[in-house]
Protein backbone atom coordinates (compact mmCIF):
# COMPACT_ATOMS: atom_id res chain seq x y z
CA UNK A 1 -7.28 5.71 -30.61
CA UNK A 2 -9.00 2.77 -28.86
CA UNK A 3 -11.37 2.91 -26.63
CA UNK A 4 -10.81 0.29 -23.63
CA UNK A 5 -14.33 -1.36 -21.80
CA UNK A 6 -14.21 -2.33 -18.49
CA UNK A 7 -16.39 -4.00 -16.25
CA UNK A 8 -16.03 -4.09 -12.46
CA UNK A 9 -16.46 -6.69 -10.60
CA UNK A 10 -17.50 -6.20 -6.94
CA UNK A 11 -19.10 -2.68 -6.43
CA UNK A 12 -18.58 -2.02 -2.88
CA UNK A 13 -16.34 0.71 -1.50
CA UNK A 14 -13.26 0.36 -3.42
CA UNK A 15 -15.33 -0.97 -6.64
CA UNK A 16 -17.52 2.49 -6.67
CA UNK A 17 -14.66 4.56 -6.14
CA UNK A 18 -13.05 3.21 -9.40
CA UNK A 19 -16.15 3.58 -11.07
CA UNK A 20 -15.93 7.77 -9.82
CA UNK A 21 -12.33 7.63 -10.91
CA UNK A 22 -12.70 5.94 -14.35
CA UNK A 23 -15.66 8.69 -15.28
CA UNK A 24 -12.30 10.89 -15.60
CA UNK A 25 -10.51 8.71 -17.97
CA UNK A 26 -11.40 9.35 -21.40
CA UNK A 27 -9.93 5.77 -22.51
CA UNK A 28 -11.49 3.70 -20.47
CA UNK A 29 -15.59 2.89 -20.47
CA UNK A 30 -17.18 1.61 -17.46
CA UNK A 31 -19.41 -1.43 -19.86
CA UNK A 32 -21.12 -2.65 -16.39
CA UNK A 33 -20.74 -4.02 -13.20
CA UNK A 34 -21.33 -7.40 -11.33
CA UNK A 35 -22.31 -7.80 -7.71
CA UNK A 36 -23.99 -10.26 -6.03
CA UNK A 37 -25.26 -7.66 -3.19
CA UNK A 38 -28.93 -6.40 -4.36
CA UNK A 39 -28.07 -3.01 -2.55
CA UNK A 40 -25.19 -2.66 -4.77
CA UNK A 41 -26.72 -3.87 -7.65
CA UNK A 42 -29.59 -0.98 -6.98
CA UNK A 43 -26.67 1.62 -6.55
CA UNK A 44 -25.15 0.91 -9.54
CA UNK A 45 -28.07 1.32 -11.88
CA UNK A 46 -28.80 4.57 -9.74
CA UNK A 47 -25.52 5.85 -11.08
CA UNK A 48 -26.19 4.83 -14.56
CA UNK A 49 -24.18 1.55 -14.40
CA UNK A 50 -25.46 -1.36 -16.04
CA UNK A 51 -25.30 -4.44 -14.01
CA UNK A 52 -24.98 -8.00 -14.79
CA UNK A 53 -26.63 -10.62 -13.42
CA UNK A 54 -24.18 -12.96 -13.30
CA UNK A 55 -20.74 -13.37 -13.72
CA UNK A 56 -20.60 -15.48 -16.81
CA UNK A 57 -22.44 -12.76 -18.37
CA UNK A 58 -19.24 -10.58 -17.57
CA UNK A 59 -16.94 -13.33 -19.12
CA UNK A 60 -19.31 -13.70 -22.32
CA UNK A 61 -19.20 -9.96 -23.49
CA UNK A 62 -16.97 -9.73 -26.18
CA UNK A 63 -17.42 -5.86 -25.80
CA UNK A 64 -15.41 -6.06 -22.40
CA UNK A 65 -11.51 -5.74 -22.62
CA UNK A 66 -10.43 -5.24 -18.68
CA UNK A 67 -12.23 -7.01 -16.15
CA UNK A 68 -11.60 -4.80 -12.59
CA UNK A 69 -11.93 -7.11 -9.25
CA UNK A 70 -12.67 -5.37 -6.22
CA UNK A 71 -14.55 -8.32 -4.02
CA UNK A 72 -13.17 -9.45 -0.94
CA UNK A 73 -9.71 -11.05 -0.99
CA UNK A 74 -10.70 -14.42 -0.72
CA UNK A 75 -12.46 -14.91 -4.38
CA UNK A 76 -9.38 -12.90 -6.27
CA UNK A 77 -7.88 -15.72 -7.42
CA UNK A 78 -10.73 -17.69 -8.74
CA UNK A 79 -11.67 -14.46 -10.67
CA UNK A 80 -8.51 -13.43 -11.94
CA UNK A 81 -7.92 -16.80 -13.94
CA UNK A 82 -11.79 -17.37 -15.05
CA UNK A 83 -11.36 -13.34 -16.59
CA UNK A 84 -8.09 -14.15 -18.35
CA UNK A 85 -8.99 -17.77 -19.45
CA UNK A 86 -11.99 -15.70 -21.19
CA UNK A 87 -9.66 -13.42 -22.77
CA UNK A 88 -9.93 -10.49 -20.66
CA UNK A 89 -7.07 -8.12 -19.09
CA UNK A 90 -7.31 -7.82 -15.37
CA UNK A 91 -6.50 -5.28 -12.62
CA UNK A 92 -6.64 -6.44 -9.66
CA UNK A 93 -7.08 -4.74 -6.12
CA UNK A 94 -5.02 -5.22 -3.01
CA UNK A 95 -4.13 -7.80 -1.70
CA UNK A 96 -3.68 -9.57 -4.86
CA UNK A 97 -4.30 -13.10 -2.86
CA UNK A 98 -4.21 -14.81 0.37
CA UNK A 99 -0.59 -16.09 -0.22
CA UNK A 100 2.21 -16.29 -2.64
CA UNK A 101 1.44 -19.63 -3.67
CA UNK A 102 -2.22 -18.40 -5.02
CA UNK A 103 -0.24 -15.12 -6.87
CA UNK A 104 2.12 -17.89 -8.82
CA UNK A 105 -1.12 -19.70 -9.65
CA UNK A 106 -2.63 -16.36 -11.28
CA UNK A 107 0.61 -15.76 -13.07
CA UNK A 108 1.01 -18.79 -14.66
CA UNK A 109 -2.19 -18.29 -16.47
CA UNK A 110 -1.43 -14.65 -17.15
CA UNK A 111 1.92 -15.90 -18.84
CA UNK A 112 0.05 -19.13 -20.77
CA UNK A 113 -2.86 -16.57 -22.02
CA UNK A 114 -0.78 -13.09 -22.48
CA UNK A 115 -3.35 -11.32 -20.81
CA UNK A 116 -2.14 -8.31 -18.54
CA UNK A 117 -2.67 -9.13 -14.81
CA UNK A 118 -1.91 -5.76 -12.77
CA UNK A 119 -2.61 -5.05 -9.03
CA UNK A 120 -4.15 -1.61 -7.94
CA UNK A 121 -1.35 -0.53 -5.35
CA UNK A 122 -3.18 3.07 -5.09
CA UNK A 123 -1.17 3.91 -2.18
CA UNK A 124 1.77 4.31 -4.05
CA UNK A 125 0.66 7.54 -5.27
CA UNK A 126 -0.12 8.74 -1.75
CA UNK A 127 1.65 12.39 -1.73
CA UNK A 128 3.09 11.45 1.96
CA UNK A 129 4.91 8.86 0.40
CA UNK A 130 5.67 10.22 -2.97
CA UNK A 131 7.19 13.00 -0.44
CA UNK A 132 9.34 11.00 1.85
CA UNK A 133 10.34 8.81 -1.13
CA UNK A 134 11.78 12.42 -2.77
CA UNK A 135 13.54 13.38 0.57
CA UNK A 136 15.07 9.94 0.90
CA UNK A 137 15.84 9.88 -2.92
CA UNK A 138 17.49 13.29 -2.76
CA UNK A 139 19.24 12.49 0.26
CA UNK A 140 17.79 16.02 1.92
CA UNK A 141 18.78 14.08 5.16
CA UNK A 142 22.26 12.84 4.69
CA UNK A 143 22.35 9.32 4.53
CA UNK A 144 19.23 7.85 6.08
CA UNK A 145 19.46 5.35 8.49
CA UNK A 146 15.90 4.72 10.50
CA UNK A 147 12.29 5.01 8.40
CA UNK A 148 9.17 4.59 10.30
CA UNK A 149 5.63 4.35 8.42
CA UNK A 150 2.39 4.07 10.04
CA UNK A 151 -1.40 4.38 10.15
CA UNK A 152 -3.47 4.20 13.42
CA UNK A 153 -6.96 4.97 14.35
CA UNK A 154 -9.39 3.95 17.23
CA UNK A 155 -11.91 2.62 15.36
CA UNK A 156 -11.01 -0.76 15.01
CA UNK A 157 -11.81 -2.94 12.07
CA UNK A 158 -15.11 -1.99 9.92
CA UNK A 159 -17.72 -4.17 10.18
CA UNK A 160 -17.76 -6.12 7.28
CA UNK A 161 -15.92 -9.30 6.12
CA UNK A 162 -12.75 -7.22 6.84
CA UNK A 163 -12.45 -8.77 10.12
CA UNK A 164 -12.75 -12.37 9.32
CA UNK A 165 -9.59 -14.25 8.47
CA UNK A 166 -11.42 -16.89 5.60
CA UNK A 167 -12.13 -13.44 3.59
CA UNK A 168 -8.37 -12.23 3.62
CA UNK A 169 -9.28 -10.14 6.84
CA UNK A 170 -7.20 -8.27 9.13
CA UNK A 171 -4.68 -5.26 8.86
CA UNK A 172 -1.33 -6.77 7.64
CA UNK A 173 -3.33 -8.04 4.47
CA UNK A 174 -5.39 -4.47 4.62
CA UNK A 175 -3.19 -1.79 5.23
CA UNK A 176 0.25 -3.70 5.98
CA UNK A 177 0.05 -4.55 2.08
CA UNK A 178 0.00 -0.93 1.24
CA UNK A 179 2.97 0.20 3.66
CA UNK A 180 5.43 -2.62 2.86
CA UNK A 181 4.78 -2.22 -0.86
CA UNK A 182 5.51 1.68 -0.41
CA UNK A 183 8.65 1.28 1.61
CA UNK A 184 10.14 -1.55 -0.45
CA UNK A 185 9.84 0.72 -3.83
CA UNK A 186 11.21 3.46 -1.92
CA UNK A 187 14.26 1.42 -0.17
CA UNK A 188 15.64 -0.28 -3.10
CA UNK A 189 17.74 -2.80 -0.98
CA UNK A 190 17.71 -6.57 0.32
CA UNK A 191 15.89 -7.37 3.31
CA UNK A 192 18.02 -9.32 6.17
CA UNK A 193 15.77 -9.56 9.15
CA UNK A 194 12.16 -9.44 9.94
CA UNK A 195 10.24 -9.68 13.15
CA UNK A 196 7.07 -8.76 13.54
CA UNK A 197 3.86 -8.98 16.26
CA UNK A 198 0.69 -8.98 15.84
CA UNK A 199 -2.30 -7.72 18.17
CA UNK A 200 -5.84 -8.82 18.68
CA UNK A 201 -7.07 -6.69 20.75
CA UNK A 202 -10.37 -6.70 19.26
CA UNK A 203 -10.95 -10.39 19.83
CA UNK A 204 -11.21 -11.27 15.81
CA UNK A 205 -9.85 -14.14 14.15
CA UNK A 206 -7.76 -11.81 12.29
CA UNK A 207 -4.72 -9.42 13.38
CA UNK A 208 -6.02 -5.90 14.11
CA UNK A 209 -2.46 -4.17 14.10
CA UNK A 210 0.85 -5.01 14.13
CA UNK A 211 4.47 -3.72 14.62
CA UNK A 212 7.08 -5.05 11.82
CA UNK A 213 10.77 -4.51 12.05
CA UNK A 214 12.92 -4.77 8.91
CA UNK A 215 16.67 -4.89 8.97
CA UNK A 216 17.86 -3.96 5.46
CA UNK A 217 21.52 -5.33 3.84
CA UNK A 218 22.80 -2.19 4.67
CA UNK A 219 21.98 -2.01 8.02
CA UNK A 220 19.17 0.58 7.78
CA UNK A 221 16.31 -0.17 9.63
CA UNK A 222 12.51 0.08 9.07
CA UNK A 223 9.20 0.24 11.31
CA UNK A 224 5.68 -0.86 9.67
CA UNK A 225 3.01 -0.03 12.37
CA UNK A 226 -0.81 -0.58 11.92
CA UNK A 227 -3.16 -0.14 14.86
CA UNK A 228 -6.89 0.18 15.00
CA UNK A 229 -6.98 0.99 18.82
CA UNK A 230 -4.92 3.84 18.91
CA UNK A 231 -6.59 6.85 20.52
CA UNK A 232 -3.59 9.16 20.08
CA UNK A 233 -1.69 8.22 16.92
CA UNK A 234 1.67 8.69 16.27
CA UNK A 235 2.96 10.36 13.26
CA UNK A 236 2.84 8.72 9.84
CA UNK A 237 6.37 9.06 8.56
CA UNK A 238 9.44 9.55 10.43
CA UNK A 239 12.80 9.73 8.76
CA UNK A 240 16.10 9.89 10.46
CA UNK A 241 19.97 10.30 8.30
CA UNK A 242 23.32 11.67 9.17
CA UNK A 243 22.12 14.85 8.78
CA UNK A 244 18.64 15.42 9.79
CA UNK A 245 15.62 14.56 9.71
CA UNK A 246 11.90 14.74 8.70
CA UNK A 247 8.27 13.96 9.55
CA UNK A 248 4.75 14.04 8.16
CA UNK A 249 1.87 14.52 11.26
CA UNK A 250 -0.82 13.34 9.73
CA UNK A 251 -3.40 13.30 6.67
CA UNK A 252 -3.39 16.93 6.28
CA UNK A 253 0.48 16.64 5.64
CA UNK A 254 1.66 18.43 8.69
CA UNK A 255 5.38 18.34 8.57
CA UNK A 256 8.49 19.27 8.80
CA UNK A 257 12.16 18.99 8.06
CA UNK A 258 14.82 19.73 10.73
CA UNK A 259 18.55 19.70 9.17
CA UNK A 260 22.52 20.60 10.22
CA UNK A 261 23.14 23.61 7.87
CA UNK A 262 26.96 22.94 8.95
CA UNK A 263 29.02 20.43 10.20
CA UNK A 264 28.63 20.11 14.44
CA UNK A 265 31.86 20.49 16.47
CA UNK A 266 30.41 22.46 19.20
CA UNK A 267 30.22 20.32 22.85
CA UNK A 268 26.49 20.27 23.55
CA UNK A 269 25.55 22.30 27.19
CA UNK A 270 24.20 20.08 29.72
CA UNK A 271 20.59 20.51 30.56
CA UNK A 272 18.64 19.57 33.93
CA UNK A 273 16.32 16.90 33.02
CA UNK A 274 14.11 15.40 35.14
CA UNK A 275 16.46 14.67 38.72
CA UNK A 276 19.82 14.66 36.60
CA UNK A 277 21.58 16.54 34.04
CA UNK A 278 22.10 15.47 30.40
CA UNK A 279 24.10 16.79 27.20
CA UNK A 280 23.51 13.75 25.37
CA UNK A 281 19.95 14.54 25.54
CA UNK A 282 20.12 18.17 25.38
CA UNK A 283 17.69 19.64 22.93
CA UNK A 284 19.42 21.96 19.61
CA UNK A 285 19.04 25.01 19.71
CA UNK A 286 18.19 28.17 17.80
CA UNK A 287 20.33 28.19 14.80
CA UNK A 288 22.02 24.83 15.23
CA UNK A 289 19.26 23.25 12.85
CA UNK A 290 17.47 24.75 9.63
CA UNK A 291 13.64 23.95 9.70
CA UNK A 292 12.25 23.85 6.26
CA UNK A 293 8.54 22.79 5.19
CA UNK A 294 8.13 19.44 3.24
CA UNK A 295 8.68 19.42 -0.61
CA UNK A 296 5.25 18.45 -1.37
CA UNK A 297 5.14 16.12 -4.37
CA UNK A 298 1.80 16.44 -6.20
CA UNK A 299 0.52 13.29 -8.10
CA UNK A 300 -3.14 11.53 -9.40
CA UNK A 301 -4.35 8.34 -9.30
CA UNK A 302 -5.28 8.58 -12.78
CA UNK A 303 -1.94 7.99 -13.61
CA UNK A 304 -2.10 4.37 -12.74
CA UNK A 305 -5.15 3.61 -15.31
CA UNK A 306 -3.54 5.21 -18.29
CA UNK A 307 -0.84 3.32 -17.38
CA UNK A 308 -2.52 0.49 -18.09
CA UNK A 309 -3.65 1.71 -21.19
CA UNK A 310 0.04 2.15 -22.55
CA UNK A 311 0.86 -1.44 -21.35
CA UNK A 312 -1.69 -3.12 -23.19
CA UNK A 313 -0.25 -0.86 -26.42
CA UNK A 314 3.04 -1.42 -25.66
CA UNK A 315 4.13 1.90 -24.78
CA UNK A 316 5.27 1.12 -21.30
CA UNK A 317 6.02 -1.26 -18.98
CA UNK A 318 3.64 -1.53 -15.60
CA UNK A 319 3.77 1.11 -13.02
CA UNK A 320 3.05 -2.11 -10.36
CA UNK A 321 5.23 -4.85 -11.20
CA UNK A 322 4.04 -8.51 -10.83
CA UNK A 323 7.75 -9.01 -9.33
CA UNK A 324 7.07 -6.63 -7.00
CA UNK A 325 3.72 -7.80 -5.83
CA UNK A 326 4.92 -11.36 -4.88
CA UNK A 327 7.53 -9.85 -2.76
CA UNK A 328 5.54 -7.81 -0.77
CA UNK A 329 3.29 -11.18 -0.53
CA UNK A 330 6.50 -13.29 0.72
CA UNK A 331 7.41 -10.23 2.88
CA UNK A 332 3.64 -10.87 4.16
CA UNK A 333 4.45 -14.53 4.72
CA UNK A 334 7.55 -14.22 6.67
CA UNK A 335 6.05 -11.60 9.41
CA UNK A 336 3.15 -13.78 10.27
CA UNK A 337 5.86 -16.68 10.59
CA UNK A 338 7.65 -14.12 12.84
CA UNK A 339 4.84 -13.71 15.30
CA UNK A 340 3.68 -17.26 15.34
CA UNK A 341 7.23 -18.66 16.12
CA UNK A 342 8.37 -15.44 17.99
CA UNK A 343 11.24 -15.67 16.28
CA UNK A 344 13.66 -13.12 13.79
CA UNK A 345 13.17 -14.62 10.48
CA UNK A 346 16.30 -13.95 7.77
CA UNK A 347 14.45 -13.16 4.73
CA UNK A 348 16.68 -12.38 1.31
């Protein structure tokens, strides 16, 4: 049974999290880390990792089979290409690159060298996503016609490179890439229309939030939303179908399904609403809907690393396909174009 040696390039927040998780993967050994920051080097040594003095030392280490890139976004392309040309397989943090052209260059080198290049889209293993995907796939709400997926907080952009455009900062490339990726995995359809509005409330040169509206080929719609100045957060997920709705409120997985148990033929009774009456917006009465707990799907991100091993041994296809990554990047570019022009972009 082969053991694969891995070097982590960039040992900040995500790099160190990879370090912690990989300790639980039997067939991957962390050979060492490389970081330009002395504090991160010292932290690595304190955690019993070897610290390389230069990136060239990583490339020249014949023991290293895999390079894991967890640096700021703007240097992903250069590191990935150099690593594959040195005979290493590559795991890359998201967003893979700053644009689709850079990704094309990476994939050309992967094809030329025969080395694996895979992107770590870890949020595909989030239980909130997997739960909503199961609801969608099993048609528990009938035919879904609207999906809302969002993350909102009130702490602004972290005080590091993530608020600087030159390094690939901004919420579209930070969180948007996750939410879009998951939505496109869930809804297996072409996208017809893209409309996006970005916010720059905090005064940085990159977006601190956005609202992205998508229309799919079937006519179903989706809202993808990220905010960093929201002191009251809207639900993380809302899904509406012809026979009910589902909601996930927060990170703690508070939520429910409300499903119509039988065909609705009775006319609603009007209620007093504000200064008038309404039947259209009258709430459902007890017994008219069935309230159910979320069918929570459990998962582990360790499956990602195990998939990498299986791909290297020709036992599986990549869990994250590069064609999927490319589609997400092109959609992100369409979102930026929509914001800049103020127009709907006709996408696929």
